């Protein structure tokens, strides 16, 4: 199974839609994805992601299914610096000498009461349920291939939510991924889950933050 993680194009966040440049990026992305043999398209329910997905859906003649596991996460809270932005917090934690690969990141003051932590937990659980529907079950720190799937699924989300899901599926701490694996608008990343029925498998990161399909300024 190929999971294509796509961040929405440049956005007008105040109106939750794409800018003119963002629509150009979405069009470029649709042409790139036309050759990927996509079986289904899923999108965050947020407007900027849905609008990005619509370009590819029209190009391929496919419907867009809203996937709540792709919705943008929340962050912030009293006493949390940098407005609680996970990628900024990771930078600060690193500067303070905190090991970003530490599994106890949820207990760090920047994340202990940050809604981003709970959002990541909920999205991860929803994502596990989605993968189970496609024959791959999360079992501890591994995945078990019950039936498997050779589908290619396009997942249109957001920078932070994509980083949350990649951290979950690759078994990496979220602050680490949000700091070192930031996504550009309209970028494409690919995770491959091998089909080995009745066996434990590990997802493979095959492509990350590819923007080669975008036209030059």
N, C-alpha and C. Protein backbone atom coordinates (compact mmCIF):
# COMPACT_ATOMS: atom_id res chain seq x y z
N UNK A 1 0.84 -1.19 0.00
CA UNK A 1 0.00 0.00 0.00
C UNK A 1 0.88 1.24 0.00
N UNK A 2 0.54 2.17 -0.87
CA UNK A 2 1.26 3.44 -0.93
C UNK A 2 0.38 4.53 -0.36
N UNK A 3 0.90 5.24 0.61
CA UNK A 3 0.20 6.37 1.22
C UNK A 3 0.89 7.65 0.78
N UNK A 4 0.19 8.47 0.04
CA UNK A 4 0.75 9.73 -0.45
C UNK A 4 0.26 10.85 0.46
N UNK A 5 1.15 11.36 1.31
CA UNK A 5 0.82 12.45 2.21
C UNK A 5 1.07 13.79 1.50
N UNK A 6 0.03 14.59 1.38
CA UNK A 6 0.12 15.84 0.63
C UNK A 6 -0.33 16.99 1.52
N UNK A 7 0.50 18.03 1.56
CA UNK A 7 0.08 19.22 2.28
C UNK A 7 -0.66 20.14 1.32
N UNK A 8 -1.66 20.82 1.82
CA UNK A 8 -2.43 21.76 0.98
C UNK A 8 -1.52 22.85 0.43
N UNK A 9 -1.99 23.51 -0.62
CA UNK A 9 -1.24 24.60 -1.23
C UNK A 9 -1.23 25.83 -0.35
N UNK A 10 -0.52 26.86 -0.83
CA UNK A 10 -0.44 28.12 -0.08
C UNK A 10 -1.86 28.58 0.26
N UNK A 11 -2.05 28.98 1.53
CA UNK A 11 -3.41 29.23 2.00
C UNK A 11 -3.64 30.63 2.53
N UNK A 12 -4.88 31.06 2.43
CA UNK A 12 -5.40 32.22 3.13
C UNK A 12 -6.04 31.64 4.39
N UNK A 13 -5.31 31.63 5.50
CA UNK A 13 -5.78 30.95 6.70
C UNK A 13 -6.99 31.63 7.31
N UNK A 14 -7.08 32.95 7.14
CA UNK A 14 -8.23 33.66 7.69
C UNK A 14 -9.54 33.21 7.09
N UNK A 15 -9.51 32.84 5.81
CA UNK A 15 -10.73 32.39 5.12
C UNK A 15 -10.71 30.89 4.84
N UNK A 16 -9.68 30.21 5.31
CA UNK A 16 -9.54 28.76 5.14
C UNK A 16 -9.73 28.34 3.68
N UNK A 17 -8.96 28.98 2.81
CA UNK A 17 -9.02 28.64 1.39
C UNK A 17 -7.63 28.86 0.79
N UNK A 18 -7.49 28.52 -0.48
CA UNK A 18 -6.21 28.70 -1.15
C UNK A 18 -6.07 30.13 -1.69
N UNK A 19 -4.84 30.57 -1.77
CA UNK A 19 -4.54 31.82 -2.46
C UNK A 19 -4.47 31.52 -3.96
N UNK A 20 -4.27 32.57 -4.77
CA UNK A 20 -4.11 32.36 -6.21
C UNK A 20 -2.90 31.46 -6.48
N UNK A 21 -1.82 31.69 -5.75
CA UNK A 21 -0.63 30.85 -5.89
C UNK A 21 -0.93 29.43 -5.44
N UNK A 22 -1.71 29.30 -4.36
CA UNK A 22 -2.07 27.97 -3.87
C UNK A 22 -2.87 27.17 -4.88
N UNK A 23 -3.72 27.85 -5.64
CA UNK A 23 -4.50 27.15 -6.68
C UNK A 23 -3.59 26.71 -7.82
N UNK A 24 -2.59 27.50 -8.13
CA UNK A 24 -1.62 27.09 -9.14
C UNK A 24 -0.84 25.86 -8.66
N UNK A 25 -0.48 25.86 -7.39
CA UNK A 25 0.23 24.72 -6.83
C UNK A 25 -0.65 23.47 -6.87
N UNK A 26 -1.92 23.63 -6.55
CA UNK A 26 -2.85 22.49 -6.56
C UNK A 26 -3.00 21.92 -7.97
N UNK A 27 -2.99 22.81 -8.97
CA UNK A 27 -3.09 22.35 -10.36
C UNK A 27 -1.84 21.59 -10.76
N UNK A 28 -0.67 22.09 -10.37
CA UNK A 28 0.58 21.39 -10.65
C UNK A 28 0.60 20.03 -9.97
N UNK A 29 0.12 20.00 -8.76
CA UNK A 29 0.08 18.76 -7.99
C UNK A 29 -0.83 17.73 -8.66
N UNK A 30 -1.97 18.20 -9.18
CA UNK A 30 -2.90 17.29 -9.85
C UNK A 30 -2.26 16.63 -11.06
N UNK A 31 -1.45 17.38 -11.80
CA UNK A 31 -0.77 16.80 -12.96
C UNK A 31 0.26 15.77 -12.50
N UNK A 32 0.95 16.05 -11.43
CA UNK A 32 1.93 15.10 -10.90
C UNK A 32 1.25 13.81 -10.46
N UNK A 33 0.14 13.93 -9.78
CA UNK A 33 -0.54 12.76 -9.22
C UNK A 33 -1.30 11.97 -10.28
N UNK A 34 -1.48 12.55 -11.45
CA UNK A 34 -2.21 11.85 -12.51
C UNK A 34 -1.51 10.56 -12.92
N UNK A 35 -0.21 10.47 -12.69
CA UNK A 35 0.52 9.27 -13.08
C UNK A 35 0.82 8.32 -11.94
N UNK A 36 0.15 8.50 -10.80
CA UNK A 36 0.46 7.70 -9.61
C UNK A 36 -0.49 6.53 -9.38
N UNK A 37 -1.43 6.29 -10.28
CA UNK A 37 -2.37 5.17 -10.16
C UNK A 37 -3.11 5.20 -8.82
N UNK A 38 -3.66 6.34 -8.51
CA UNK A 38 -4.35 6.54 -7.23
C UNK A 38 -5.70 5.83 -7.23
N UNK A 39 -5.96 5.10 -6.15
CA UNK A 39 -7.21 4.36 -6.01
C UNK A 39 -8.31 5.19 -5.36
N UNK A 40 -7.93 6.03 -4.39
CA UNK A 40 -8.92 6.82 -3.65
C UNK A 40 -8.26 8.08 -3.11
N UNK A 41 -9.09 9.10 -2.90
CA UNK A 41 -8.61 10.39 -2.40
C UNK A 41 -9.31 10.69 -1.08
N UNK A 42 -8.51 11.01 -0.07
CA UNK A 42 -9.03 11.40 1.24
C UNK A 42 -8.50 12.80 1.56
N UNK A 43 -9.32 13.58 2.25
CA UNK A 43 -8.90 14.94 2.57
C UNK A 43 -9.35 15.32 3.97
N UNK A 44 -8.54 16.17 4.59
CA UNK A 44 -8.96 16.85 5.81
C UNK A 44 -10.27 17.60 5.52
N UNK A 45 -11.14 17.75 6.52
CA UNK A 45 -12.37 18.52 6.31
C UNK A 45 -12.14 20.02 6.24
N UNK A 46 -10.92 20.49 6.52
CA UNK A 46 -10.62 21.91 6.44
C UNK A 46 -10.64 22.38 4.98
N UNK A 47 -11.14 23.58 4.76
CA UNK A 47 -11.37 24.08 3.42
C UNK A 47 -10.14 24.11 2.52
N UNK A 48 -9.00 24.53 3.05
CA UNK A 48 -7.80 24.65 2.22
C UNK A 48 -7.31 23.29 1.73
N UNK A 49 -7.52 22.26 2.52
CA UNK A 49 -7.13 20.91 2.08
C UNK A 49 -8.15 20.37 1.07
N UNK A 50 -9.43 20.59 1.34
CA UNK A 50 -10.47 20.14 0.41
C UNK A 50 -10.31 20.79 -0.96
N UNK A 51 -9.99 22.08 -0.96
CA UNK A 51 -9.82 22.80 -2.23
C UNK A 51 -8.62 22.25 -3.00
N UNK A 52 -7.54 21.93 -2.29
CA UNK A 52 -6.37 21.35 -2.94
C UNK A 52 -6.71 19.99 -3.53
N UNK A 53 -7.40 19.17 -2.76
CA UNK A 53 -7.77 17.82 -3.20
C UNK A 53 -8.70 17.85 -4.42
N UNK A 54 -9.55 18.90 -4.49
CA UNK A 54 -10.53 18.97 -5.57
C UNK A 54 -9.87 19.02 -6.95
N UNK A 55 -8.69 19.63 -7.05
CA UNK A 55 -7.99 19.70 -8.33
C UNK A 55 -7.60 18.29 -8.80
N UNK A 56 -7.07 17.49 -7.89
CA UNK A 56 -6.67 16.13 -8.25
C UNK A 56 -7.89 15.26 -8.51
N UNK A 57 -8.94 15.44 -7.71
CA UNK A 57 -10.16 14.66 -7.90
C UNK A 57 -10.76 14.91 -9.28
N UNK A 58 -10.79 16.16 -9.69
CA UNK A 58 -11.32 16.49 -11.02
C UNK A 58 -10.44 15.91 -12.12
N UNK A 59 -9.13 15.98 -11.93
CA UNK A 59 -8.19 15.47 -12.94
C UNK A 59 -8.32 13.97 -13.10
N UNK A 60 -8.58 13.25 -12.01
CA UNK A 60 -8.64 11.78 -12.05
C UNK A 60 -10.06 11.23 -12.14
N UNK A 61 -11.06 12.08 -11.98
CA UNK A 61 -12.44 11.61 -12.01
C UNK A 61 -12.79 10.78 -10.78
N UNK A 62 -12.23 11.16 -9.63
CA UNK A 62 -12.49 10.44 -8.38
C UNK A 62 -13.20 11.35 -7.39
N UNK A 63 -13.90 10.74 -6.45
CA UNK A 63 -14.55 11.49 -5.39
C UNK A 63 -13.55 11.76 -4.27
N UNK A 64 -13.85 12.76 -3.45
CA UNK A 64 -13.03 13.07 -2.29
C UNK A 64 -13.78 12.64 -1.04
N UNK A 65 -13.16 11.77 -0.26
CA UNK A 65 -13.73 11.33 1.01
C UNK A 65 -13.09 12.11 2.15
N UNK A 66 -13.90 12.65 3.02
CA UNK A 66 -13.35 13.41 4.14
C UNK A 66 -12.79 12.44 5.18
N UNK A 67 -11.54 12.63 5.50
CA UNK A 67 -10.88 11.79 6.50
C UNK A 67 -10.57 12.62 7.73
N UNK A 68 -11.28 12.36 8.82
CA UNK A 68 -11.10 13.17 10.02
C UNK A 68 -9.72 12.98 10.62
N UNK A 69 -9.04 11.90 10.30
CA UNK A 69 -7.68 11.69 10.80
C UNK A 69 -6.68 12.62 10.13
N UNK A 70 -7.11 13.37 9.12
CA UNK A 70 -6.23 14.31 8.41
C UNK A 70 -6.45 15.76 8.84
N UNK A 71 -7.40 16.00 9.71
CA UNK A 71 -7.73 17.38 10.09
C UNK A 71 -6.54 18.03 10.82
N UNK A 72 -6.48 19.34 10.73
CA UNK A 72 -5.38 20.06 11.37
C UNK A 72 -5.51 19.96 12.89
N UNK A 73 -4.37 19.90 13.56
CA UNK A 73 -4.38 19.82 15.01
C UNK A 73 -4.43 21.23 15.60
N UNK A 74 -4.72 21.29 16.89
CA UNK A 74 -4.71 22.56 17.63
C UNK A 74 -3.44 22.62 18.46
N UNK A 75 -3.03 23.82 18.82
CA UNK A 75 -1.87 23.98 19.71
C UNK A 75 -2.00 25.30 20.46
N UNK A 76 -1.18 25.46 21.48
CA UNK A 76 -1.20 26.69 22.27
C UNK A 76 -1.45 26.40 23.74
N UNK A 77 -2.05 27.35 24.42
CA UNK A 77 -2.36 27.17 25.83
C UNK A 77 -1.57 28.11 26.73
N UNK A 78 -2.06 28.32 27.96
CA UNK A 78 -1.41 29.23 28.91
C UNK A 78 0.03 28.81 29.21
N UNK A 79 0.94 29.75 29.11
CA UNK A 79 2.32 29.48 29.47
C UNK A 79 3.13 28.76 28.41
N UNK A 80 2.51 28.42 27.27
CA UNK A 80 3.24 27.73 26.20
C UNK A 80 3.81 28.77 25.25
N UNK A 81 5.12 28.84 25.08
CA UNK A 81 5.74 29.88 24.24
C UNK A 81 5.48 29.65 22.75
N UNK A 82 5.80 30.64 21.95
CA UNK A 82 5.69 30.56 20.48
C UNK A 82 4.30 30.17 20.02
N UNK A 83 3.27 30.60 20.78
CA UNK A 83 1.89 30.25 20.45
C UNK A 83 1.66 28.75 20.42
N UNK A 84 2.60 27.99 20.97
CA UNK A 84 2.45 26.54 21.02
C UNK A 84 2.75 25.83 19.71
N UNK A 85 3.31 26.53 18.72
CA UNK A 85 3.59 25.91 17.43
C UNK A 85 4.61 24.78 17.61
N UNK A 86 4.27 23.54 17.25
CA UNK A 86 5.14 22.39 17.54
C UNK A 86 6.54 22.52 16.96
N UNK A 87 6.64 23.05 15.72
CA UNK A 87 7.97 23.14 15.09
C UNK A 87 8.86 24.16 15.80
N UNK A 88 8.25 25.23 16.32
CA UNK A 88 9.00 26.22 17.08
C UNK A 88 9.39 25.68 18.46
N UNK A 89 8.49 24.92 19.05
CA UNK A 89 8.78 24.34 20.37
C UNK A 89 9.93 23.34 20.27
N UNK A 90 9.95 22.57 19.19
CA UNK A 90 11.05 21.63 18.99
C UNK A 90 12.39 22.34 18.92
N UNK A 91 12.41 23.48 18.23
CA UNK A 91 13.64 24.27 18.13
C UNK A 91 14.08 24.76 19.50
N UNK A 92 13.12 25.23 20.30
CA UNK A 92 13.44 25.71 21.64
C UNK A 92 13.93 24.59 22.55
N UNK A 93 13.25 23.44 22.47
CA UNK A 93 13.65 22.30 23.30
C UNK A 93 15.06 21.85 22.96
N UNK A 94 15.38 21.85 21.68
CA UNK A 94 16.72 21.47 21.25
C UNK A 94 17.75 22.45 21.81
N UNK A 95 17.44 23.75 21.75
CA UNK A 95 18.34 24.76 22.27
C UNK A 95 18.55 24.66 23.77
N UNK A 96 17.55 24.10 24.45
CA UNK A 96 17.64 23.93 25.91
C UNK A 96 18.34 22.63 26.30
N UNK A 97 18.76 21.86 25.29
CA UNK A 97 19.47 20.62 25.57
C UNK A 97 18.59 19.40 25.70
N UNK A 98 17.29 19.53 25.38
CA UNK A 98 16.37 18.39 25.46
C UNK A 98 16.60 17.47 24.27
N UNK A 99 16.63 16.17 24.51
CA UNK A 99 16.80 15.19 23.45
C UNK A 99 15.47 15.00 22.73
N UNK A 100 15.37 15.52 21.51
CA UNK A 100 14.11 15.44 20.76
C UNK A 100 13.70 14.02 20.43
N UNK A 101 14.62 13.07 20.56
CA UNK A 101 14.27 11.66 20.32
C UNK A 101 13.72 10.99 21.57
N UNK A 102 13.62 11.75 22.67
CA UNK A 102 13.14 11.21 23.94
C UNK A 102 11.65 10.88 23.85
N UNK A 103 11.26 9.72 24.35
CA UNK A 103 9.87 9.30 24.29
C UNK A 103 9.00 10.01 25.32
N UNK A 104 9.61 10.70 26.28
CA UNK A 104 8.84 11.39 27.31
C UNK A 104 8.50 12.83 26.93
N UNK A 105 8.46 13.14 25.65
CA UNK A 105 8.20 14.50 25.21
C UNK A 105 6.84 15.02 25.69
N UNK A 106 5.88 14.12 25.89
CA UNK A 106 4.55 14.55 26.31
C UNK A 106 4.57 15.16 27.71
N UNK A 107 5.59 14.85 28.50
CA UNK A 107 5.69 15.38 29.87
C UNK A 107 6.47 16.69 29.92
N UNK A 108 7.02 17.09 28.81
CA UNK A 108 7.75 18.37 28.78
C UNK A 108 6.75 19.50 28.99
N UNK A 109 7.12 20.55 29.74
CA UNK A 109 6.19 21.65 30.00
C UNK A 109 5.58 22.26 28.75
N UNK A 110 6.30 22.23 27.64
CA UNK A 110 5.76 22.83 26.41
C UNK A 110 4.64 21.98 25.79
N UNK A 111 4.58 20.70 26.16
CA UNK A 111 3.58 19.81 25.56
C UNK A 111 2.62 19.20 26.57
N UNK A 112 2.95 19.29 27.84
CA UNK A 112 2.13 18.63 28.85
C UNK A 112 0.69 19.13 28.84
N UNK A 113 0.51 20.45 28.69
CA UNK A 113 -0.83 21.03 28.66
C UNK A 113 -1.14 21.67 27.31
N UNK A 114 -0.41 21.27 26.30
CA UNK A 114 -0.61 21.79 24.95
C UNK A 114 -1.64 20.90 24.24
N UNK A 115 -2.72 21.46 23.71
CA UNK A 115 -3.73 20.63 23.03
C UNK A 115 -3.16 19.83 21.86
N UNK A 116 -2.00 20.23 21.36
CA UNK A 116 -1.38 19.47 20.27
C UNK A 116 -1.13 18.03 20.67
N UNK A 117 -0.80 17.82 21.94
CA UNK A 117 -0.50 16.47 22.42
C UNK A 117 -1.73 15.57 22.35
N UNK A 118 -2.85 16.06 22.82
CA UNK A 118 -4.09 15.28 22.77
C UNK A 118 -4.56 15.12 21.32
N UNK A 119 -4.42 16.16 20.52
CA UNK A 119 -4.81 16.06 19.11
C UNK A 119 -4.02 14.95 18.41
N UNK A 120 -2.73 14.88 18.69
CA UNK A 120 -1.91 13.83 18.07
C UNK A 120 -2.39 12.45 18.48
N UNK A 121 -2.76 12.31 19.74
CA UNK A 121 -3.24 11.00 20.20
C UNK A 121 -4.52 10.60 19.47
N UNK A 122 -5.45 11.54 19.36
CA UNK A 122 -6.73 11.24 18.71
C UNK A 122 -6.54 10.95 17.22
N UNK A 123 -5.74 11.77 16.54
CA UNK A 123 -5.50 11.55 15.11
C UNK A 123 -4.81 10.21 14.88
N UNK A 124 -3.89 9.85 15.75
CA UNK A 124 -3.17 8.58 15.60
C UNK A 124 -4.13 7.40 15.75
N UNK A 125 -5.04 7.48 16.71
CA UNK A 125 -6.02 6.41 16.89
C UNK A 125 -6.95 6.32 15.67
N UNK A 126 -7.38 7.47 15.17
CA UNK A 126 -8.25 7.48 13.99
C UNK A 126 -7.51 6.92 12.77
N UNK A 127 -6.23 7.24 12.67
CA UNK A 127 -5.43 6.75 11.55
C UNK A 127 -5.23 5.24 11.63
N UNK A 128 -5.04 4.72 12.84
CA UNK A 128 -4.92 3.27 13.01
C UNK A 128 -6.20 2.57 12.56
N UNK A 129 -7.35 3.16 12.88
CA UNK A 129 -8.63 2.57 12.46
C UNK A 129 -8.73 2.58 10.94
N UNK A 130 -8.26 3.65 10.31
CA UNK A 130 -8.27 3.75 8.84
C UNK A 130 -7.38 2.67 8.23
N UNK A 131 -6.18 2.49 8.78
CA UNK A 131 -5.27 1.48 8.24
C UNK A 131 -5.84 0.07 8.43
N UNK A 132 -6.53 -0.16 9.54
CA UNK A 132 -7.13 -1.48 9.77
C UNK A 132 -8.16 -1.81 8.70
N UNK A 133 -8.87 -0.78 8.24
CA UNK A 133 -9.84 -0.99 7.18
C UNK A 133 -9.17 -1.43 5.88
N UNK A 134 -7.87 -1.14 5.77
CA UNK A 134 -7.12 -1.50 4.58
C UNK A 134 -6.15 -2.66 4.83
N UNK A 135 -6.46 -3.46 5.86
CA UNK A 135 -5.75 -4.71 6.07
C UNK A 135 -4.44 -4.62 6.80
N UNK A 136 -4.16 -3.48 7.48
CA UNK A 136 -2.90 -3.33 8.20
C UNK A 136 -3.20 -2.85 9.61
N UNK A 137 -2.83 -3.66 10.60
CA UNK A 137 -3.20 -3.39 11.98
C UNK A 137 -1.98 -2.98 12.81
N UNK A 138 -2.13 -1.88 13.56
CA UNK A 138 -1.07 -1.42 14.44
C UNK A 138 -1.02 -2.33 15.65
N UNK A 139 0.13 -2.93 15.90
CA UNK A 139 0.30 -3.87 17.01
C UNK A 139 1.55 -3.48 17.78
N UNK A 140 1.37 -2.76 18.90
CA UNK A 140 2.53 -2.28 19.65
C UNK A 140 3.28 -1.23 18.86
N UNK A 141 4.56 -1.48 18.62
CA UNK A 141 5.38 -0.54 17.85
C UNK A 141 5.57 -1.02 16.42
N UNK A 142 4.81 -2.04 16.06
CA UNK A 142 4.91 -2.60 14.71
C UNK A 142 3.53 -2.61 14.06
N UNK A 143 3.48 -3.03 12.81
CA UNK A 143 2.22 -3.22 12.11
C UNK A 143 2.11 -4.68 11.68
N UNK A 144 0.89 -5.20 11.76
CA UNK A 144 0.66 -6.58 11.33
C UNK A 144 -0.19 -6.56 10.07
N UNK A 145 0.28 -7.24 9.05
CA UNK A 145 -0.43 -7.30 7.77
C UNK A 145 -1.46 -8.41 7.82
N UNK A 146 -2.72 -8.06 8.04
CA UNK A 146 -3.80 -9.05 8.07
C UNK A 146 -4.13 -9.53 6.66
N UNK A 147 -4.48 -8.59 5.81
CA UNK A 147 -4.79 -8.92 4.41
C UNK A 147 -3.93 -8.10 3.47
N UNK A 148 -3.58 -6.90 3.92
CA UNK A 148 -2.77 -6.02 3.08
C UNK A 148 -3.58 -5.40 1.96
N UNK A 149 -2.95 -4.49 1.26
CA UNK A 149 -3.59 -3.80 0.16
C UNK A 149 -2.51 -3.26 -0.77
N UNK A 150 -2.78 -3.33 -2.07
CA UNK A 150 -1.82 -2.77 -3.03
C UNK A 150 -2.32 -1.44 -3.59
N UNK A 151 -3.24 -0.80 -2.85
CA UNK A 151 -3.80 0.48 -3.28
C UNK A 151 -2.80 1.62 -3.12
N UNK A 152 -3.02 2.67 -3.89
CA UNK A 152 -2.32 3.93 -3.70
C UNK A 152 -3.35 4.96 -3.26
N UNK A 153 -3.20 5.47 -2.05
CA UNK A 153 -4.18 6.38 -1.47
C UNK A 153 -3.58 7.77 -1.32
N UNK A 154 -4.28 8.77 -1.82
CA UNK A 154 -3.85 10.16 -1.71
C UNK A 154 -4.49 10.78 -0.48
N UNK A 155 -3.66 11.31 0.44
CA UNK A 155 -4.13 11.86 1.70
C UNK A 155 -3.78 13.35 1.77
N UNK A 156 -4.77 14.20 1.65
CA UNK A 156 -4.55 15.65 1.64
C UNK A 156 -4.76 16.20 3.05
N UNK A 157 -3.68 16.70 3.63
CA UNK A 157 -3.75 17.20 5.00
C UNK A 157 -3.02 18.51 5.18
N UNK A 158 -2.40 18.64 6.33
CA UNK A 158 -1.75 19.88 6.74
C UNK A 158 -0.33 19.59 7.21
N UNK A 159 0.44 20.65 7.40
CA UNK A 159 1.80 20.45 7.85
C UNK A 159 1.87 19.72 9.17
N UNK A 160 1.21 20.25 10.19
CA UNK A 160 1.29 19.66 11.53
C UNK A 160 0.61 18.30 11.61
N UNK A 161 -0.56 18.15 10.99
CA UNK A 161 -1.25 16.85 11.07
C UNK A 161 -0.48 15.78 10.30
N UNK A 162 0.11 16.13 9.15
CA UNK A 162 0.93 15.17 8.43
C UNK A 162 2.14 14.76 9.27
N UNK A 163 2.75 15.72 9.95
CA UNK A 163 3.91 15.41 10.78
C UNK A 163 3.51 14.52 11.95
N UNK A 164 2.32 14.77 12.50
CA UNK A 164 1.80 13.93 13.58
C UNK A 164 1.63 12.48 13.10
N UNK A 165 1.04 12.30 11.93
CA UNK A 165 0.79 10.94 11.42
C UNK A 165 2.09 10.25 11.02
N UNK A 166 3.03 11.00 10.44
CA UNK A 166 4.32 10.40 10.10
C UNK A 166 5.07 9.99 11.36
N UNK A 167 5.00 10.81 12.40
CA UNK A 167 5.63 10.45 13.67
C UNK A 167 5.03 9.16 14.21
N UNK A 168 3.73 9.03 14.09
CA UNK A 168 3.04 7.85 14.59
C UNK A 168 3.39 6.60 13.79
N UNK A 169 3.30 6.70 12.48
CA UNK A 169 3.51 5.51 11.65
C UNK A 169 4.97 5.08 11.60
N UNK A 170 5.90 6.04 11.77
CA UNK A 170 7.33 5.73 11.76
C UNK A 170 7.90 5.54 13.16
N UNK A 171 7.04 5.65 14.18
CA UNK A 171 7.43 5.46 15.57
C UNK A 171 8.54 6.42 15.98
N UNK A 172 8.29 7.71 15.73
CA UNK A 172 9.23 8.76 16.08
C UNK A 172 8.52 9.80 16.95
N UNK A 173 9.24 10.48 17.85
CA UNK A 173 8.60 11.51 18.69
C UNK A 173 8.09 12.67 17.85
N UNK A 174 6.91 13.15 18.17
CA UNK A 174 6.30 14.23 17.40
C UNK A 174 7.15 15.50 17.37
N UNK A 175 7.71 15.99 18.50
CA UNK A 175 8.53 17.21 18.41
C UNK A 175 9.73 17.06 17.50
N UNK A 176 10.28 15.86 17.45
CA UNK A 176 11.43 15.59 16.56
C UNK A 176 11.00 15.71 15.10
N UNK A 177 9.89 15.07 14.75
CA UNK A 177 9.42 15.11 13.36
C UNK A 177 8.99 16.52 12.98
N UNK A 178 8.31 17.22 13.87
CA UNK A 178 7.83 18.56 13.53
C UNK A 178 8.98 19.55 13.37
N UNK A 179 10.13 19.23 13.96
CA UNK A 179 11.29 20.11 13.83
C UNK A 179 12.14 19.77 12.61
N UNK A 180 12.41 18.49 12.38
CA UNK A 180 13.33 18.10 11.30
C UNK A 180 12.63 17.69 10.01
N UNK A 181 11.30 17.50 10.02
CA UNK A 181 10.60 17.02 8.84
C UNK A 181 9.42 17.92 8.50
N UNK A 182 9.68 19.20 8.36
CA UNK A 182 8.61 20.14 8.05
C UNK A 182 8.22 20.04 6.57
N UNK A 183 6.93 20.21 6.32
CA UNK A 183 6.37 20.08 4.98
C UNK A 183 6.16 21.44 4.32
N UNK A 184 6.56 21.56 3.08
CA UNK A 184 6.27 22.77 2.31
C UNK A 184 4.85 22.67 1.74
N UNK A 185 4.23 23.82 1.41
CA UNK A 185 2.90 23.78 0.78
C UNK A 185 2.93 22.98 -0.52
N UNK A 186 1.90 22.19 -0.72
CA UNK A 186 1.72 21.37 -1.93
C UNK A 186 2.83 20.35 -2.12
N UNK A 187 3.50 19.97 -1.03
CA UNK A 187 4.56 18.97 -1.12
C UNK A 187 3.97 17.56 -1.08
N UNK A 188 4.77 16.61 -1.54
CA UNK A 188 4.37 15.21 -1.62
C UNK A 188 5.36 14.35 -0.85
N UNK A 189 4.84 13.51 0.03
CA UNK A 189 5.64 12.52 0.74
C UNK A 189 4.96 11.15 0.58
N UNK A 190 5.76 10.11 0.58
CA UNK A 190 5.21 8.77 0.32
C UNK A 190 5.70 7.76 1.36
N UNK A 191 4.75 7.02 1.91
CA UNK A 191 5.04 5.91 2.81
C UNK A 191 4.52 4.63 2.17
N UNK A 192 5.36 3.61 2.15
CA UNK A 192 4.99 2.32 1.56
C UNK A 192 4.87 1.29 2.68
N UNK A 193 3.75 0.58 2.70
CA UNK A 193 3.56 -0.50 3.67
C UNK A 193 3.55 -1.82 2.90
N UNK A 194 4.55 -2.67 3.11
CA UNK A 194 4.65 -3.93 2.35
C UNK A 194 3.43 -4.84 2.59
N UNK A 195 3.09 -5.61 1.59
CA UNK A 195 2.02 -6.60 1.72
C UNK A 195 2.67 -7.96 1.96
N UNK A 196 2.66 -8.38 3.21
CA UNK A 196 3.19 -9.68 3.60
C UNK A 196 2.18 -10.29 4.57
N UNK A 197 1.16 -10.93 4.01
CA UNK A 197 0.02 -11.40 4.80
C UNK A 197 0.47 -12.34 5.92
N UNK A 198 -0.08 -12.06 7.11
CA UNK A 198 0.23 -12.88 8.26
C UNK A 198 1.57 -12.58 8.89
N UNK A 199 2.17 -11.42 8.56
CA UNK A 199 3.49 -11.08 9.07
C UNK A 199 3.51 -9.65 9.62
N UNK A 200 4.46 -9.40 10.53
CA UNK A 200 4.71 -8.04 10.97
C UNK A 200 5.48 -7.30 9.88
N UNK A 201 5.11 -6.04 9.68
CA UNK A 201 5.78 -5.23 8.66
C UNK A 201 6.11 -3.87 9.24
N UNK A 202 7.07 -3.19 8.62
CA UNK A 202 7.40 -1.82 9.00
C UNK A 202 7.19 -0.91 7.80
N UNK A 203 6.47 0.20 7.99
CA UNK A 203 6.30 1.17 6.89
C UNK A 203 7.65 1.74 6.48
N UNK A 204 7.77 2.07 5.20
CA UNK A 204 9.01 2.62 4.67
C UNK A 204 8.74 4.03 4.12
N UNK A 205 9.58 4.97 4.53
CA UNK A 205 9.48 6.32 3.98
C UNK A 205 10.21 6.35 2.65
N UNK A 206 9.44 6.43 1.55
CA UNK A 206 10.02 6.34 0.21
C UNK A 206 10.30 7.71 -0.40
N UNK A 207 9.59 8.74 0.06
CA UNK A 207 9.75 10.08 -0.51
C UNK A 207 9.31 11.07 0.54
N UNK A 208 10.01 12.22 0.62
CA UNK A 208 9.63 13.20 1.63
C UNK A 208 9.74 14.62 1.08
N UNK A 209 8.68 15.39 1.29
CA UNK A 209 8.66 16.83 1.00
C UNK A 209 9.09 17.15 -0.43
N UNK A 210 8.65 16.36 -1.38
CA UNK A 210 9.03 16.58 -2.79
C UNK A 210 8.17 17.70 -3.37
N UNK A 211 8.83 18.72 -3.92
CA UNK A 211 8.14 19.84 -4.55
C UNK A 211 8.54 20.01 -6.00
N UNK A 212 9.15 18.97 -6.59
CA UNK A 212 9.67 19.08 -7.94
C UNK A 212 8.58 19.31 -8.98
N UNK A 213 7.33 19.03 -8.64
CA UNK A 213 6.23 19.21 -9.59
C UNK A 213 5.76 20.66 -9.69
N UNK A 214 6.18 21.50 -8.76
CA UNK A 214 5.70 22.88 -8.74
C UNK A 214 6.46 23.75 -9.73
N UNK A 215 5.71 24.55 -10.46
CA UNK A 215 6.34 25.44 -11.45
C UNK A 215 7.17 26.48 -10.73
N UNK A 216 8.23 26.91 -11.38
CA UNK A 216 9.09 27.91 -10.78
C UNK A 216 8.39 29.25 -10.71
N UNK A 217 8.80 30.07 -9.73
CA UNK A 217 8.16 31.39 -9.55
C UNK A 217 8.31 32.20 -10.84
